[in-house]
Amino acid sequence: MLVFADRISLRLQAFLSWCLRWSGLISRIVAALLGGYALAALFSVAVLALPISRPEAVLWGMQLAFLVYAGAVVWVFAVRSATRAWVGLVVAALVLLPLALWVWHGAGA
């Protein structure tokens, strides 16, 4: 029974070691994929608050959202830590969120 417990303990230690080693990279990948997408989506909606015609705002928002997404992905892997990457994405999203909510509630262009 003790041998079995030692095997589980070693496997658990190996798994936890693997998780700690790769958690930063996995967190950055998730931040780049999901956080970048959320930021680009918020940006494309927030562009509708600009004082231009609605079809033009939609086109500009869609086109510039690709640059925002690419910039977010590059930025996530350029900062020193995964925590800074997440904080930066959240701060950028909080800046765009009031404009996007204003548009979603029908007050936009």
N, C-alpha and C. Protein backbone atom coordinates (compact mmCIF):
# COMPACT_ATOMS: atom_id res chain seq x y z
N MET A 1 0.82 -1.19 0.00
CA MET A 1 0.00 0.00 0.00
C MET A 1 0.87 1.26 0.00
N LEU A 2 1.98 1.21 0.72
CA LEU A 2 2.86 2.36 0.79
C LEU A 2 3.50 2.64 -0.57
N VAL A 3 3.83 1.60 -1.32
CA VAL A 3 4.42 1.77 -2.64
C VAL A 3 3.43 2.47 -3.57
N PHE A 4 2.17 2.09 -3.49
CA PHE A 4 1.14 2.70 -4.31
C PHE A 4 0.98 4.18 -3.98
N ALA A 5 1.00 4.50 -2.68
CA ALA A 5 0.89 5.90 -2.26
C ALA A 5 2.10 6.70 -2.73
N ASP A 6 3.28 6.10 -2.71
CA ASP A 6 4.47 6.79 -3.19
C ASP A 6 4.37 7.07 -4.69
N ARG A 7 3.82 6.14 -5.45
CA ARG A 7 3.66 6.35 -6.89
C ARG A 7 2.69 7.50 -7.16
N ILE A 8 1.60 7.54 -6.42
CA ILE A 8 0.63 8.63 -6.60
C ILE A 8 1.28 9.95 -6.22
N SER A 9 2.02 9.94 -5.14
CA SER A 9 2.70 11.15 -4.70
C SER A 9 3.69 11.65 -5.76
N LEU A 10 4.45 10.74 -6.34
CA LEU A 10 5.41 11.13 -7.37
C LEU A 10 4.70 11.64 -8.62
N ARG A 11 3.62 10.98 -9.00
CA ARG A 11 2.86 11.44 -10.17
C ARG A 11 2.24 12.81 -9.91
N LEU A 12 1.73 13.01 -8.70
CA LEU A 12 1.14 14.30 -8.35
C LEU A 12 2.20 15.39 -8.35
N GLN A 13 3.36 15.09 -7.83
CA GLN A 13 4.45 16.06 -7.85
C GLN A 13 4.88 16.39 -9.28
N ALA A 14 4.96 15.38 -10.11
CA ALA A 14 5.35 15.60 -11.51
C ALA A 14 4.30 16.45 -12.22
N PHE A 15 3.03 16.16 -11.97
CA PHE A 15 1.95 16.93 -12.60
C PHE A 15 1.97 18.37 -12.13
N LEU A 16 2.13 18.59 -10.84
CA LEU A 16 2.16 19.96 -10.31
C LEU A 16 3.38 20.71 -10.83
N SER A 17 4.50 20.03 -10.96
CA SER A 17 5.69 20.64 -11.52
C SER A 17 5.45 21.05 -12.97
N TRP A 18 4.81 20.18 -13.72
CA TRP A 18 4.49 20.49 -15.12
C TRP A 18 3.55 21.68 -15.21
N CYS A 19 2.54 21.70 -14.35
CA CYS A 19 1.58 22.82 -14.34
C CYS A 19 2.27 24.14 -14.03
N LEU A 20 3.15 24.13 -13.04
CA LEU A 20 3.85 25.36 -12.68
C LEU A 20 4.78 25.82 -13.79
N ARG A 21 5.39 24.88 -14.47
CA ARG A 21 6.33 25.21 -15.53
C ARG A 21 5.62 25.83 -16.73
N TRP A 22 4.47 25.32 -17.08
CA TRP A 22 3.79 25.73 -18.30
C TRP A 22 2.62 26.67 -18.06
N SER A 23 2.29 27.01 -16.83
CA SER A 23 1.10 27.82 -16.56
C SER A 23 1.20 29.21 -17.17
N GLY A 24 2.37 29.82 -17.14
CA GLY A 24 2.52 31.14 -17.73
C GLY A 24 2.27 31.15 -19.22
N LEU A 25 2.81 30.16 -19.90
CA LEU A 25 2.61 30.08 -21.34
C LEU A 25 1.16 29.79 -21.69
N ILE A 26 0.56 28.86 -20.97
CA ILE A 26 -0.85 28.53 -21.23
C ILE A 26 -1.73 29.74 -20.95
N SER A 27 -1.44 30.47 -19.89
CA SER A 27 -2.21 31.66 -19.57
C SER A 27 -2.06 32.71 -20.66
N ARG A 28 -0.86 32.87 -21.18
CA ARG A 28 -0.66 33.84 -22.27
C ARG A 28 -1.39 33.42 -23.54
N ILE A 29 -1.39 32.14 -23.84
CA ILE A 29 -2.10 31.66 -25.03
C ILE A 29 -3.60 31.93 -24.89
N VAL A 30 -4.14 31.63 -23.73
CA VAL A 30 -5.57 31.89 -23.49
C VAL A 30 -5.85 33.39 -23.55
N ALA A 31 -4.96 34.20 -22.98
CA ALA A 31 -5.14 35.65 -23.03
C ALA A 31 -5.09 36.16 -24.46
N ALA A 32 -4.18 35.62 -25.25
CA ALA A 32 -4.07 36.06 -26.65
C ALA A 32 -5.31 35.66 -27.44
N LEU A 33 -5.77 34.43 -27.26
CA LEU A 33 -6.92 33.97 -28.03
C LEU A 33 -8.22 34.61 -27.57
N LEU A 34 -8.55 34.43 -26.31
CA LEU A 34 -9.84 34.90 -25.81
C LEU A 34 -9.84 36.39 -25.49
N GLY A 35 -8.80 36.85 -24.81
CA GLY A 35 -8.72 38.26 -24.47
C GLY A 35 -8.58 39.15 -25.69
N GLY A 36 -7.75 38.72 -26.63
CA GLY A 36 -7.61 39.48 -27.88
C GLY A 36 -8.90 39.53 -28.66
N TYR A 37 -9.61 38.41 -28.70
CA TYR A 37 -10.90 38.39 -29.41
C TYR A 37 -11.90 39.31 -28.73
N ALA A 38 -11.97 39.26 -27.41
CA ALA A 38 -12.91 40.12 -26.68
C ALA A 38 -12.57 41.59 -26.88
N LEU A 39 -11.30 41.91 -26.86
CA LEU A 39 -10.89 43.29 -27.06
C LEU A 39 -11.22 43.77 -28.48
N ALA A 40 -10.98 42.93 -29.46
CA ALA A 40 -11.31 43.29 -30.85
C ALA A 40 -12.83 43.45 -31.03
N ALA A 41 -13.60 42.58 -30.39
CA ALA A 41 -15.06 42.69 -30.50
C ALA A 41 -15.57 43.97 -29.84
N LEU A 42 -15.04 44.29 -28.67
CA LEU A 42 -15.43 45.54 -28.01
C LEU A 42 -15.04 46.75 -28.86
N PHE A 43 -13.87 46.69 -29.45
CA PHE A 43 -13.43 47.80 -30.29
C PHE A 43 -14.34 47.97 -31.51
N SER A 44 -14.70 46.86 -32.15
CA SER A 44 -15.54 46.97 -33.34
C SER A 44 -16.92 47.53 -33.01
N VAL A 45 -17.42 47.26 -31.82
CA VAL A 45 -18.71 47.84 -31.41
C VAL A 45 -18.53 49.29 -30.98
N ALA A 46 -17.42 49.60 -30.29
CA ALA A 46 -17.19 50.96 -29.82
C ALA A 46 -17.00 51.94 -30.97
N VAL A 47 -16.53 51.47 -32.10
CA VAL A 47 -16.35 52.35 -33.26
C VAL A 47 -17.70 52.89 -33.74
N LEU A 48 -18.75 52.17 -33.47
CA LEU A 48 -20.09 52.64 -33.87
C LEU A 48 -20.50 53.91 -33.13
N ALA A 49 -19.81 54.26 -32.06
CA ALA A 49 -20.12 55.48 -31.33
C ALA A 49 -19.52 56.72 -32.00
N LEU A 50 -18.66 56.52 -32.99
CA LEU A 50 -18.07 57.66 -33.69
C LEU A 50 -19.13 58.39 -34.50
N PRO A 51 -18.94 59.69 -34.70
CA PRO A 51 -19.95 60.48 -35.45
C PRO A 51 -19.78 60.34 -36.97
N ILE A 52 -19.85 59.12 -37.46
CA ILE A 52 -19.83 58.85 -38.90
C ILE A 52 -21.03 57.97 -39.22
N SER A 53 -21.30 57.79 -40.51
CA SER A 53 -22.47 56.99 -40.87
C SER A 53 -22.30 55.55 -40.38
N ARG A 54 -23.42 54.91 -40.11
CA ARG A 54 -23.39 53.58 -39.51
C ARG A 54 -22.69 52.55 -40.42
N PRO A 55 -22.99 52.48 -41.73
CA PRO A 55 -22.28 51.50 -42.56
C PRO A 55 -20.77 51.74 -42.60
N GLU A 56 -20.37 53.00 -42.63
CA GLU A 56 -18.95 53.31 -42.63
C GLU A 56 -18.30 52.92 -41.31
N ALA A 57 -19.00 53.15 -40.20
CA ALA A 57 -18.48 52.78 -38.89
C ALA A 57 -18.34 51.26 -38.76
N VAL A 58 -19.29 50.53 -39.32
CA VAL A 58 -19.21 49.07 -39.28
C VAL A 58 -17.99 48.58 -40.05
N LEU A 59 -17.78 49.13 -41.24
CA LEU A 59 -16.62 48.73 -42.04
C LEU A 59 -15.31 49.08 -41.35
N TRP A 60 -15.21 50.30 -40.82
CA TRP A 60 -14.00 50.69 -40.12
C TRP A 60 -13.78 49.82 -38.89
N GLY A 61 -14.84 49.55 -38.18
CA GLY A 61 -14.72 48.72 -36.98
C GLY A 61 -14.25 47.32 -37.29
N MET A 62 -14.79 46.74 -38.35
CA MET A 62 -14.38 45.38 -38.72
C MET A 62 -12.93 45.34 -39.19
N GLN A 63 -12.54 46.33 -39.97
CA GLN A 63 -11.17 46.33 -40.49
C GLN A 63 -10.14 46.61 -39.40
N LEU A 64 -10.43 47.58 -38.54
CA LEU A 64 -9.48 47.92 -37.50
C LEU A 64 -9.44 46.88 -36.38
N ALA A 65 -10.52 46.11 -36.25
CA ALA A 65 -10.54 45.06 -35.22
C ALA A 65 -9.46 44.02 -35.48
N PHE A 66 -9.12 43.77 -36.74
CA PHE A 66 -8.03 42.83 -37.05
C PHE A 66 -6.70 43.36 -36.52
N LEU A 67 -6.48 44.68 -36.66
CA LEU A 67 -5.25 45.27 -36.13
C LEU A 67 -5.23 45.24 -34.60
N VAL A 68 -6.38 45.48 -33.98
CA VAL A 68 -6.46 45.43 -32.52
C VAL A 68 -6.17 44.02 -32.04
N TYR A 69 -6.74 43.03 -32.70
CA TYR A 69 -6.51 41.63 -32.30
C TYR A 69 -5.04 41.26 -32.45
N ALA A 70 -4.44 41.62 -33.59
CA ALA A 70 -3.03 41.30 -33.81
C ALA A 70 -2.15 42.03 -32.80
N GLY A 71 -2.48 43.29 -32.53
CA GLY A 71 -1.72 44.04 -31.54
C GLY A 71 -1.84 43.44 -30.14
N ALA A 72 -3.03 42.97 -29.80
CA ALA A 72 -3.23 42.34 -28.48
C ALA A 72 -2.42 41.06 -28.37
N VAL A 73 -2.40 40.27 -29.42
CA VAL A 73 -1.63 39.02 -29.39
C VAL A 73 -0.14 39.31 -29.24
N VAL A 74 0.37 40.26 -29.99
CA VAL A 74 1.79 40.61 -29.88
C VAL A 74 2.09 41.15 -28.49
N TRP A 75 1.22 42.00 -27.98
CA TRP A 75 1.45 42.61 -26.69
C TRP A 75 1.43 41.58 -25.56
N VAL A 76 0.54 40.61 -25.64
CA VAL A 76 0.44 39.58 -24.60
C VAL A 76 1.75 38.82 -24.46
N PHE A 77 2.41 38.56 -25.56
CA PHE A 77 3.67 37.82 -25.49
C PHE A 77 4.88 38.73 -25.32
N ALA A 78 4.69 40.04 -25.40
CA ALA A 78 5.82 40.97 -25.25
C ALA A 78 6.03 41.41 -23.81
N VAL A 79 4.99 41.38 -22.99
CA VAL A 79 5.13 41.85 -21.60
C VAL A 79 5.87 40.81 -20.77
N ARG A 80 6.33 41.22 -19.59
CA ARG A 80 7.18 40.36 -18.76
C ARG A 80 6.45 39.18 -18.16
N SER A 81 5.17 39.34 -17.82
CA SER A 81 4.48 38.24 -17.14
C SER A 81 3.07 38.09 -17.68
N ALA A 82 2.51 36.93 -17.43
CA ALA A 82 1.14 36.67 -17.85
C ALA A 82 0.16 37.54 -17.08
N THR A 83 0.48 37.85 -15.85
CA THR A 83 -0.39 38.72 -15.05
C THR A 83 -0.48 40.10 -15.66
N ARG A 84 0.63 40.65 -16.09
CA ARG A 84 0.61 41.96 -16.76
C ARG A 84 -0.17 41.90 -18.05
N ALA A 85 -0.08 40.80 -18.75
CA ALA A 85 -0.84 40.65 -19.99
C ALA A 85 -2.34 40.71 -19.71
N TRP A 86 -2.78 39.95 -18.71
CA TRP A 86 -4.21 39.95 -18.36
C TRP A 86 -4.66 41.32 -17.86
N VAL A 87 -3.84 41.95 -17.03
CA VAL A 87 -4.21 43.27 -16.50
C VAL A 87 -4.31 44.29 -17.64
N GLY A 88 -3.39 44.24 -18.57
CA GLY A 88 -3.45 45.16 -19.71
C GLY A 88 -4.68 44.94 -20.57
N LEU A 89 -5.04 43.69 -20.80
CA LEU A 89 -6.25 43.42 -21.58
C LEU A 89 -7.50 43.90 -20.86
N VAL A 90 -7.55 43.69 -19.56
CA VAL A 90 -8.72 44.12 -18.79
C VAL A 90 -8.82 45.64 -18.77
N VAL A 91 -7.70 46.33 -18.61
CA VAL A 91 -7.72 47.80 -18.61
C VAL A 91 -8.17 48.33 -19.96
N ALA A 92 -7.66 47.76 -21.03
CA ALA A 92 -8.08 48.19 -22.37
C ALA A 92 -9.56 47.91 -22.59
N ALA A 93 -10.03 46.78 -22.11
CA ALA A 93 -11.45 46.45 -22.25
C ALA A 93 -12.32 47.40 -21.43
N LEU A 94 -11.86 47.76 -20.25
CA LEU A 94 -12.63 48.69 -19.42
C LEU A 94 -12.70 50.08 -20.03
N VAL A 95 -11.70 50.45 -20.82
CA VAL A 95 -11.73 51.73 -21.52
C VAL A 95 -12.78 51.69 -22.63
N LEU A 96 -12.88 50.57 -23.34
CA LEU A 96 -13.81 50.46 -24.46
C LEU A 96 -15.22 50.09 -24.04
N LEU A 97 -15.38 49.52 -22.88
CA LEU A 97 -16.68 49.03 -22.45
C LEU A 97 -17.76 50.11 -22.35
N PRO A 98 -17.50 51.31 -21.80
CA PRO A 98 -18.58 52.31 -21.76
C PRO A 98 -19.10 52.69 -23.14
N LEU A 99 -18.20 52.83 -24.11
CA LEU A 99 -18.64 53.15 -25.48
C LEU A 99 -19.46 52.01 -26.07
N ALA A 100 -18.99 50.79 -25.86
CA ALA A 100 -19.73 49.64 -26.40
C ALA A 100 -21.10 49.51 -25.74
N LEU A 101 -21.17 49.73 -24.44
CA LEU A 101 -22.48 49.68 -23.77
C LEU A 101 -23.40 50.78 -24.26
N TRP A 102 -22.84 51.96 -24.51
CA TRP A 102 -23.65 53.07 -25.03
C TRP A 102 -24.24 52.70 -26.39
N VAL A 103 -23.45 52.07 -27.23
CA VAL A 103 -23.93 51.64 -28.55
C VAL A 103 -24.95 50.53 -28.40
N TRP A 104 -24.68 49.55 -27.52
CA TRP A 104 -25.59 48.42 -27.35
C TRP A 104 -26.96 48.85 -26.84
N HIS A 105 -26.99 49.93 -26.07
CA HIS A 105 -28.27 50.40 -25.53
C HIS A 105 -28.97 51.38 -26.46
N GLY A 106 -28.49 51.49 -27.68
CA GLY A 106 -29.21 52.23 -28.71
C GLY A 106 -28.90 53.70 -28.80
N ALA A 107 -27.89 54.20 -28.10
CA ALA A 107 -27.60 55.62 -28.16
C ALA A 107 -26.52 55.95 -29.19
N GLY A 108 -25.93 54.95 -29.77
CA GLY A 108 -24.85 55.17 -30.72
C GLY A 108 -25.33 55.69 -32.06
N ALA A 109 -24.40 55.90 -32.97
CA ALA A 109 -24.69 56.43 -34.29
C ALA A 109 -25.73 55.59 -34.93
